[in-house]
C-alpha atoms as a PDB file:
ATOM      1  CA  MET A   1     -20.181  34.195 -19.713  1.00  0.00           C
ATOM      2  CA  ARG A   2     -17.845  31.175 -19.022  1.00  0.00           C
ATOM      3  CA  LYS A   3     -17.844  29.784 -15.570  1.00  0.00           C
ATOM      4  CA  LYS A   4     -14.780  29.931 -13.402  1.00  0.00           C
ATOM      5  CA  ALA A   5     -13.132  26.691 -12.657  1.00  0.00           C
ATOM      6  CA  LEU A   6     -10.114  25.160 -11.069  1.00  0.00           C
ATOM      7  CA  VAL A   7      -8.497  22.090 -12.317  1.00  0.00           C
ATOM      8  CA  SER A   8      -7.344  19.303  -9.690  1.00  0.00           C
ATOM      9  CA  TRP A   9      -3.948  19.070 -10.303  1.00  0.00           C
ATOM     10  CA  SER A  10      -1.663  16.085  -9.426  1.00  0.00           C
ATOM     11  CA  SER A  11       1.266  16.994 -11.659  1.00  0.00           C
ATOM     12  CA  GLY A  12       0.431  14.306 -13.894  1.00  0.00           C
ATOM     13  CA  LYS A  13      -0.537  13.622 -17.586  1.00  0.00           C
ATOM     14  CA  ASP A  14      -4.203  13.183 -17.037  1.00  0.00           C
ATOM     15  CA  SER A  15      -4.809  16.403 -14.980  1.00  0.00           C
ATOM     16  CA  ALA A  16      -2.607  18.332 -17.466  1.00  0.00           C
ATOM     17  CA  TRP A  17      -4.458  16.912 -20.337  1.00  0.00           C
ATOM     18  CA  THR A  18      -7.875  17.945 -18.667  1.00  0.00           C
ATOM     19  CA  LEU A  19      -6.474  21.503 -18.432  1.00  0.00           C
ATOM     20  CA  GLN A  20      -5.933  21.384 -22.348  1.00  0.00           C
ATOM     21  CA  VAL A  21      -9.396  19.913 -23.152  1.00  0.00           C
ATOM     22  CA  LEU A  22     -11.045  22.575 -21.049  1.00  0.00           C
ATOM     23  CA  ARG A  23      -8.917  25.243 -22.557  1.00  0.00           C
ATOM     24  CA  GLN A  24     -10.099  24.056 -26.102  1.00  0.00           C
ATOM     25  CA  SER A  25     -13.646  23.633 -25.197  1.00  0.00           C
ATOM     26  CA  ASN A  26     -13.663  27.368 -24.170  1.00  0.00           C
ATOM     27  CA  GLU A  27     -16.592  26.549 -21.750  1.00  0.00           C
ATOM     28  CA  TYR A  28     -14.796  27.323 -18.664  1.00  0.00           C
ATOM     29  CA  GLU A  29     -12.385  30.069 -17.633  1.00  0.00           C
ATOM     30  CA  ILE A  30      -9.685  28.251 -15.848  1.00  0.00           C
ATOM     31  CA  VAL A  31      -8.510  30.208 -12.978  1.00  0.00           C
ATOM     32  CA  GLY A  32      -6.055  27.923 -11.014  1.00  0.00           C
ATOM     33  CA  LEU A  33      -4.611  24.435 -10.208  1.00  0.00           C
ATOM     34  CA  LEU A  34      -5.665  22.905  -7.160  1.00  0.00           C
ATOM     35  CA  THR A  35      -3.090  20.546  -5.739  1.00  0.00           C
ATOM     36  CA  THR A  36      -2.446  18.963  -2.197  1.00  0.00           C
ATOM     37  CA  ILE A  37       1.034  19.389  -0.685  1.00  0.00           C
ATOM     38  CA  ASN A  38       2.392  16.899   2.018  1.00  0.00           C
ATOM     39  CA  SER A  39       3.589  19.505   4.636  1.00  0.00           C
ATOM     40  CA  SER A  40       6.048  17.371   6.090  1.00  0.00           C
ATOM     41  CA  PHE A  41       7.924  16.613   2.867  1.00  0.00           C
ATOM     42  CA  ASP A  42       6.945  19.624   1.037  1.00  0.00           C
ATOM     43  CA  ARG A  43       5.893  17.468  -1.930  1.00  0.00           C
ATOM     44  CA  VAL A  44       2.626  16.703  -3.973  1.00  0.00           C
ATOM     45  CA  ALA A  45       0.789  14.188  -2.060  1.00  0.00           C
ATOM     46  CA  MET A  46       0.928  10.687  -3.612  1.00  0.00           C
ATOM     47  CA  HIS A  47       3.061  11.579  -6.525  1.00  0.00           C
ATOM     48  CA  GLY A  48       5.872  12.633  -4.422  1.00  0.00           C
ATOM     49  CA  VAL A  49       6.894  15.620  -6.732  1.00  0.00           C
ATOM     50  CA  ARG A  50       8.933  18.487  -5.294  1.00  0.00           C
ATOM     51  CA  ARG A  51       6.770  21.639  -4.866  1.00  0.00           C
ATOM     52  CA  GLU A  52       9.014  23.662  -6.855  1.00  0.00           C
ATOM     53  CA  LEU A  53       8.290  21.509  -9.674  1.00  0.00           C
ATOM     54  CA  VAL A  54       4.591  21.952  -9.495  1.00  0.00           C
ATOM     55  CA  GLU A  55       5.072  25.658  -9.128  1.00  0.00           C
ATOM     56  CA  ALA A  56       7.065  25.495 -12.284  1.00  0.00           C
ATOM     57  CA  GLN A  57       4.173  23.747 -14.029  1.00  0.00           C
ATOM     58  CA  ALA A  58       1.628  26.368 -12.798  1.00  0.00           C
ATOM     59  CA  ASP A  59       4.046  29.126 -14.100  1.00  0.00           C
ATOM     60  CA  ALA A  60       4.428  27.452 -17.616  1.00  0.00           C
ATOM     61  CA  ALA A  61       0.598  27.121 -17.677  1.00  0.00           C
ATOM     62  CA  GLY A  62       0.221  30.803 -16.718  1.00  0.00           C
ATOM     63  CA  LEU A  63      -2.077  30.083 -13.746  1.00  0.00           C
ATOM     64  CA  PRO A  64      -1.940  30.523  -9.950  1.00  0.00           C
ATOM     65  CA  LEU A  65      -1.340  27.301  -7.923  1.00  0.00           C
ATOM     66  CA  TRP A  66      -3.926  26.760  -5.172  1.00  0.00           C
ATOM     67  CA  LYS A  67      -1.792  24.758  -2.619  1.00  0.00           C
ATOM     68  CA  VAL A  68      -3.764  22.641  -0.051  1.00  0.00           C
ATOM     69  CA  PRO A  69      -1.368  21.627   2.611  1.00  0.00           C
ATOM     70  CA  LEU A  70      -1.884  18.060   4.414  1.00  0.00           C
ATOM     71  CA  PRO A  71      -0.331  16.825   7.552  1.00  0.00           C
ATOM     72  CA  TRP A  72       1.561  13.614   7.621  1.00  0.00           C
ATOM     73  CA  PRO A  73       0.245  11.157   8.380  1.00  0.00           C
ATOM     74  CA  CYS A  74      -2.968  12.342   6.910  1.00  0.00           C
ATOM     75  CA  SER A  75      -6.463  10.857   8.092  1.00  0.00           C
ATOM     76  CA  ASN A  76      -9.496  10.949   5.858  1.00  0.00           C
ATOM     77  CA  PRO A  77     -11.256  13.226   8.142  1.00  0.00           C
ATOM     78  CA  GLU A  78      -8.016  15.655   7.950  1.00  0.00           C
ATOM     79  CA  TYR A  79      -8.036  15.349   4.383  1.00  0.00           C
ATOM     80  CA  GLU A  80     -11.651  16.285   3.984  1.00  0.00           C
ATOM     81  CA  ASP A  81     -11.343  19.159   6.315  1.00  0.00           C
ATOM     82  CA  ALA A  82      -8.578  20.622   4.352  1.00  0.00           C
ATOM     83  CA  MET A  83     -10.346  20.176   0.936  1.00  0.00           C
ATOM     84  CA  ARG A  84     -13.588  21.709   2.458  1.00  0.00           C
ATOM     85  CA  ALA A  85     -11.652  24.891   3.260  1.00  0.00           C
ATOM     86  CA  ALA A  86     -10.203  24.871  -0.222  1.00  0.00           C
ATOM     87  CA  CYS A  87     -13.754  24.705  -1.550  1.00  0.00           C
ATOM     88  CA  ALA A  88     -15.058  27.266   0.658  1.00  0.00           C
ATOM     89  CA  LYS A  89     -12.285  29.611  -0.616  1.00  0.00           C
ATOM     90  CA  ALA A  90     -13.042  28.963  -4.111  1.00  0.00           C
ATOM     91  CA  ILE A  91     -16.647  29.558  -3.668  1.00  0.00           C
ATOM     92  CA  ASP A  92     -15.748  33.034  -2.071  1.00  0.00           C
ATOM     93  CA  ALA A  93     -13.656  33.512  -5.196  1.00  0.00           C
ATOM     94  CA  GLY A  94     -16.649  33.143  -7.434  1.00  0.00           C
ATOM     95  CA  ILE A  95     -15.488  29.682  -8.818  1.00  0.00           C
ATOM     96  CA  GLU A  96     -18.263  27.540  -9.826  1.00  0.00           C
ATOM     97  CA  ALA A  97     -16.422  24.250 -10.977  1.00  0.00           C
ATOM     98  CA  VAL A  98     -13.564  21.903 -10.031  1.00  0.00           C
ATOM     99  CA  ALA A  99     -12.230  19.458 -13.058  1.00  0.00           C
ATOM    100  CA  PHE A 100     -10.745  16.309 -12.496  1.00  0.00           C
ATOM    101  CA  GLY A 101      -8.809  14.162 -14.816  1.00  0.00           C
ATOM    102  CA  ASP A 102     -10.458  10.751 -13.679  1.00  0.00           C
ATOM    103  CA  LEU A 103     -10.934   8.194 -16.526  1.00  0.00           C
ATOM    104  CA  PHE A 104     -13.093   5.164 -15.639  1.00  0.00           C
ATOM    105  CA  LEU A 105     -12.861   4.374 -11.779  1.00  0.00           C
ATOM    106  CA  GLU A 106     -16.404   4.720 -10.746  1.00  0.00           C
ATOM    107  CA  ASP A 107     -15.797   4.670  -7.158  1.00  0.00           C
ATOM    108  CA  VAL A 108     -13.378   7.693  -7.351  1.00  0.00           C
ATOM    109  CA  ARG A 109     -15.996   9.736  -9.430  1.00  0.00           C
ATOM    110  CA  GLN A 110     -18.611   8.925  -6.909  1.00  0.00           C
ATOM    111  CA  TYR A 111     -16.539  10.225  -3.888  1.00  0.00           C
ATOM    112  CA  ARG A 112     -15.884  13.326  -5.518  1.00  0.00           C
ATOM    113  CA  GLU A 113     -19.505  13.949  -6.334  1.00  0.00           C
ATOM    114  CA  ASP A 114     -20.651  12.961  -2.895  1.00  0.00           C
ATOM    115  CA  ARG A 115     -18.282  15.366  -1.249  1.00  0.00           C
ATOM    116  CA  MET A 116     -18.914  18.202  -3.556  1.00  0.00           C
ATOM    117  CA  ARG A 117     -22.993  17.721  -3.577  1.00  0.00           C
ATOM    118  CA  GLY A 118     -24.863  20.831  -2.261  1.00  0.00           C
ATOM    119  CA  ILE A 119     -21.714  23.022  -1.504  1.00  0.00           C
ATOM    120  CA  GLY A 120     -21.980  25.201  -4.558  1.00  0.00           C
ATOM    121  CA  LEU A 121     -19.129  23.672  -6.716  1.00  0.00           C
ATOM    122  CA  THR A 122     -19.951  21.564  -9.734  1.00  0.00           C
ATOM    123  CA  PRO A 123     -17.442  18.539 -10.378  1.00  0.00           C
ATOM    124  CA  VAL A 124     -16.724  18.128 -14.107  1.00  0.00           C
ATOM    125  CA  PHE A 125     -14.946  15.230 -15.835  1.00  0.00           C
ATOM    126  CA  PRO A 126     -13.691  16.284 -19.154  1.00  0.00           C
ATOM    127  CA  VAL A 127     -11.732  13.069 -19.983  1.00  0.00           C
ATOM    128  CA  TRP A 128     -14.094  10.537 -18.459  1.00  0.00           C
ATOM    129  CA  LYS A 129     -14.405   7.106 -20.117  1.00  0.00           C
ATOM    130  CA  LEU A 130     -12.272   7.996 -23.073  1.00  0.00           C
ATOM    131  CA  ASP A 131     -10.418   4.989 -24.370  1.00  0.00           C
ATOM    132  CA  THR A 132      -6.959   4.967 -22.934  1.00  0.00           C
ATOM    133  CA  ARG A 133      -5.245   3.693 -25.450  1.00  0.00           C
ATOM    134  CA  GLN A 134      -6.434   6.332 -27.888  1.00  0.00           C
ATOM    135  CA  LEU A 135      -6.137   8.942 -25.281  1.00  0.00           C
ATOM    136  CA  ILE A 136      -2.334   8.372 -24.481  1.00  0.00           C
ATOM    137  CA  ARG A 137      -1.769   8.596 -28.262  1.00  0.00           C
ATOM    138  CA  ASP A 138      -3.745  11.845 -28.567  1.00  0.00           C
ATOM    139  CA  MET A 139      -1.292  13.067 -25.659  1.00  0.00           C
ATOM    140  CA  TRP A 140       1.690  12.108 -27.447  1.00  0.00           C
ATOM    141  CA  ALA A 141       0.515  13.680 -30.758  1.00  0.00           C
ATOM    142  CA  GLY A 142      -0.404  16.820 -28.871  1.00  0.00           C
ATOM    143  CA  GLY A 143       3.098  17.132 -27.560  1.00  0.00           C
ATOM    144  CA  VAL A 144       2.640  15.795 -23.970  1.00  0.00           C
ATOM    145  CA  ARG A 145       6.016  14.629 -22.544  1.00  0.00           C
ATOM    146  CA  SER A 146       5.732  12.909 -19.125  1.00  0.00           C
ATOM    147  CA  ARG A 147       8.044  10.851 -16.902  1.00  0.00           C
ATOM    148  CA  ILE A 148       6.972   8.020 -14.421  1.00  0.00           C
ATOM    149  CA  VAL A 149       7.692   9.295 -10.810  1.00  0.00           C
ATOM    150  CA  CYS A 150       5.819   6.788  -8.659  1.00  0.00           C
ATOM    151  CA  LEU A 151       4.596   3.188  -9.299  1.00  0.00           C
ATOM    152  CA  ASP A 152       3.230   0.167  -7.535  1.00  0.00           C
ATOM    153  CA  PRO A 153       5.748  -2.597  -7.756  1.00  0.00           C
ATOM    154  CA  ARG A 154       3.020  -5.271  -7.131  1.00  0.00           C
ATOM    155  CA  LYS A 155       1.614  -4.264 -10.609  1.00  0.00           C
ATOM    156  CA  ILE A 156       4.541  -2.942 -12.542  1.00  0.00           C
ATOM    157  CA  PRO A 157       8.239  -3.560 -12.373  1.00  0.00           C
ATOM    158  CA  ALA A 158      10.148  -1.101 -10.414  1.00  0.00           C
ATOM    159  CA  SER A 159      12.776  -0.707 -13.425  1.00  0.00           C
ATOM    160  CA  PHE A 160      10.082   1.654 -15.018  1.00  0.00           C
ATOM    161  CA  ALA A 161      10.401   4.331 -12.515  1.00  0.00           C
ATOM    162  CA  GLY A 162      12.209   7.462 -13.977  1.00  0.00           C
ATOM    163  CA  ARG A 163      11.523   6.745 -17.651  1.00  0.00           C
ATOM    164  CA  ASP A 164       9.577   8.830 -19.990  1.00  0.00           C
ATOM    165  CA  LEU A 165       5.964   7.394 -20.765  1.00  0.00           C
ATOM    166  CA  ASN A 166       6.084   7.032 -24.554  1.00  0.00           C
ATOM    167  CA  ALA A 167       5.029   4.222 -26.990  1.00  0.00           C
ATOM    168  CA  LYS A 168       8.275   2.412 -26.616  1.00  0.00           C
ATOM    169  CA  LEU A 169       7.854   2.167 -22.967  1.00  0.00           C
ATOM    170  CA  VAL A 170       4.085   1.173 -23.151  1.00  0.00           C
ATOM    171  CA  ASP A 171       5.003  -1.609 -25.582  1.00  0.00           C
ATOM    172  CA  GLU A 172       7.213  -3.054 -22.569  1.00  0.00           C
ATOM    173  CA  PHE A 173       4.509  -3.036 -20.153  1.00  0.00           C
ATOM    174  CA  PRO A 174       3.467  -6.329 -18.822  1.00  0.00           C
ATOM    175  CA  PRO A 175      -0.184  -7.614 -19.985  1.00  0.00           C
ATOM    176  CA  GLY A 176      -3.051  -6.059 -18.462  1.00  0.00           C
ATOM    177  CA  ILE A 177      -1.315  -2.722 -17.451  1.00  0.00           C
ATOM    178  CA  ASP A 178      -3.385   0.430 -18.375  1.00  0.00           C
ATOM    179  CA  PRO A 179      -1.466   2.748 -20.744  1.00  0.00           C
ATOM    180  CA  CYS A 180      -2.610   5.633 -18.638  1.00  0.00           C
ATOM    181  CA  GLY A 181      -1.929   3.839 -15.343  1.00  0.00           C
ATOM    182  CA  GLU A 182      -5.593   4.607 -14.219  1.00  0.00           C
ATOM    183  CA  ASN A 183      -5.815   1.370 -11.938  1.00  0.00           C
ATOM    184  CA  GLY A 184      -3.012   2.693  -9.766  1.00  0.00           C
ATOM    185  CA  GLU A 185       0.038   1.257 -11.638  1.00  0.00           C
ATOM    186  CA  PHE A 186       2.009   4.163 -11.970  1.00  0.00           C
ATOM    187  CA  HIS A 187       1.920   8.170 -11.821  1.00  0.00           C
ATOM    188  CA  THR A 188       3.718  10.736 -13.979  1.00  0.00           C
ATOM    189  CA  PHE A 189       4.979  14.283 -14.140  1.00  0.00           C
ATOM    190  CA  VAL A 190       4.332  16.358 -17.256  1.00  0.00           C
ATOM    191  CA  TYR A 191       7.406  18.435 -18.181  1.00  0.00           C
ATOM    192  CA  ASP A 192       6.072  19.693 -21.608  1.00  0.00           C
ATOM    193  CA  GLY A 193       2.997  19.843 -23.438  1.00  0.00           C
ATOM    194  CA  PRO A 194       0.340  22.245 -25.276  1.00  0.00           C
ATOM    195  CA  MET A 195      -0.840  23.430 -21.728  1.00  0.00           C
ATOM    196  CA  PHE A 196       2.533  24.933 -21.069  1.00  0.00           C
ATOM    197  CA  MET A 197       3.983  28.118 -22.440  1.00  0.00           C
ATOM    198  CA  HIS A 198       7.493  26.298 -22.269  1.00  0.00           C
ATOM    199  CA  GLY A 199       8.919  23.071 -21.234  1.00  0.00           C
ATOM    200  CA  ILE A 200      10.080  22.458 -17.779  1.00  0.00           C
ATOM    201  CA  PRO A 201      13.700  21.155 -17.626  1.00  0.00           C
ATOM    202  CA  VAL A 202      14.038  18.119 -15.204  1.00  0.00           C
ATOM    203  CA  GLN A 203      16.614  15.265 -14.493  1.00  0.00           C
ATOM    204  CA  ASN A 204      16.198  12.207 -12.413  1.00  0.00           C
ATOM    205  CA  GLY A 205      17.376  12.073  -8.861  1.00  0.00           C
ATOM    206  CA  GLU A 206      17.372   9.126  -6.407  1.00  0.00           C
ATOM    207  CA  THR A 207      15.040   6.399  -6.868  1.00  0.00           C
ATOM    208  CA  VAL A 208      13.778   4.889  -3.433  1.00  0.00           C
ATOM    209  CA  THR A 209      11.110   2.535  -2.173  1.00  0.00           C
ATOM    210  CA  ARG A 210       8.736   4.106   0.511  1.00  0.00           C
ATOM    211  CA  ASP A 211       5.556   2.744   1.953  1.00  0.00           C
ATOM    212  CA  GLY A 212       5.306  -0.011  -0.719  1.00  0.00           C
ATOM    213  CA  PHE A 213       5.812   2.297  -3.721  1.00  0.00           C
ATOM    214  CA  VAL A 214       8.612   3.108  -5.819  1.00  0.00           C
ATOM    215  CA  PHE A 215       9.516   6.983  -6.436  1.00  0.00           C
ATOM    216  CA  THR A 216      11.962   8.578  -8.549  1.00  0.00           C
ATOM    217  CA  ASP A 217      12.751  12.164  -7.412  1.00  0.00           C
ATOM    218  CA  LEU A 218      12.845  14.693 -10.107  1.00  0.00           C
ATOM    219  CA  LEU A 219      15.005  17.690  -9.988  1.00  0.00           C
ATOM    220  CA  MET A 220      15.150  21.045 -11.882  1.00  0.00           C
ATOM    221  CA  SER A 221      17.994  20.990 -14.455  1.00  0.00           C
ATOM    222  CA  GLU A 222      19.624  23.201 -16.810  1.00  0.00           C
ATOM    223  CA  PRO A 223      17.426  23.132 -20.455  1.00  0.00           C
ATOM    224  CA  ALA A 224      20.339  21.364 -22.054  1.00  0.00           C
ATOM    225  CA  GLU A 225      20.069  18.482 -19.569  1.00  0.00           C
ATOM    226  CA  VAL A 226      16.662  17.526 -20.622  1.00  0.00           C
ATOM    227  CA  VAL A 227      16.800  14.310 -22.749  1.00  0.00           C
ATOM    228  CA  ALA A 228      13.462  12.749 -23.665  1.00  0.00           C
ATOM    229  CA  ASP A 229      12.972   9.221 -25.193  1.00  0.00           C
ATOM    230  CA  SER A 230      11.570   9.001 -28.571  1.00  0.00           C
ATOM    231  CA  VAL A 231       7.952   8.904 -28.806  1.00  0.00           C
ATOM    232  CA  ALA A 232       7.925   7.002 -32.186  1.00  0.00           C
END
């Protein structure tokens, strides 16, 4: 019997590809997407994506969205309390694992493993240690389409915000930038891919700088308004 699992969902490409990998492996029954929501702004924590867009992703994936509300500002103890409550709810629902899209940051993986040790949930890392240059090519070949919605201007120019993450864009990256942004250079929103039953029509809204990061606000649009850059 397959184990029930949640996917930790940031709205970006790595969590989306984690969902795809797990579904292909058939080892787990994915029963929901777990995401944190900044209660003050009604947006996904860190990525800054509107709640309705993440709900659209869950709908396209055919899965319920497990929303974990966080206060703003949010201390680490408050974050851990909120996640502890979400984990308790998951255990009550018969869920045995939570999957993460982490790639190679050892400290992040260790933090997750430490917090979940002994509570009845197993952390799994389906894309761990995959070569990120090959991984991003596999995502493109699989049909993943994503857009940069948040970036650190100390690592990558602000002009990359709001652009589709494709081969053309990666070729423009400064030296040393990980093509998957695993060092915190940028975060994405996935609007199409094999993990979805249909694409999500989006258009760029305002781009702003806040708390040292650059955010491009994505808005739902009519299907005809979606224009993606070439991935070739």
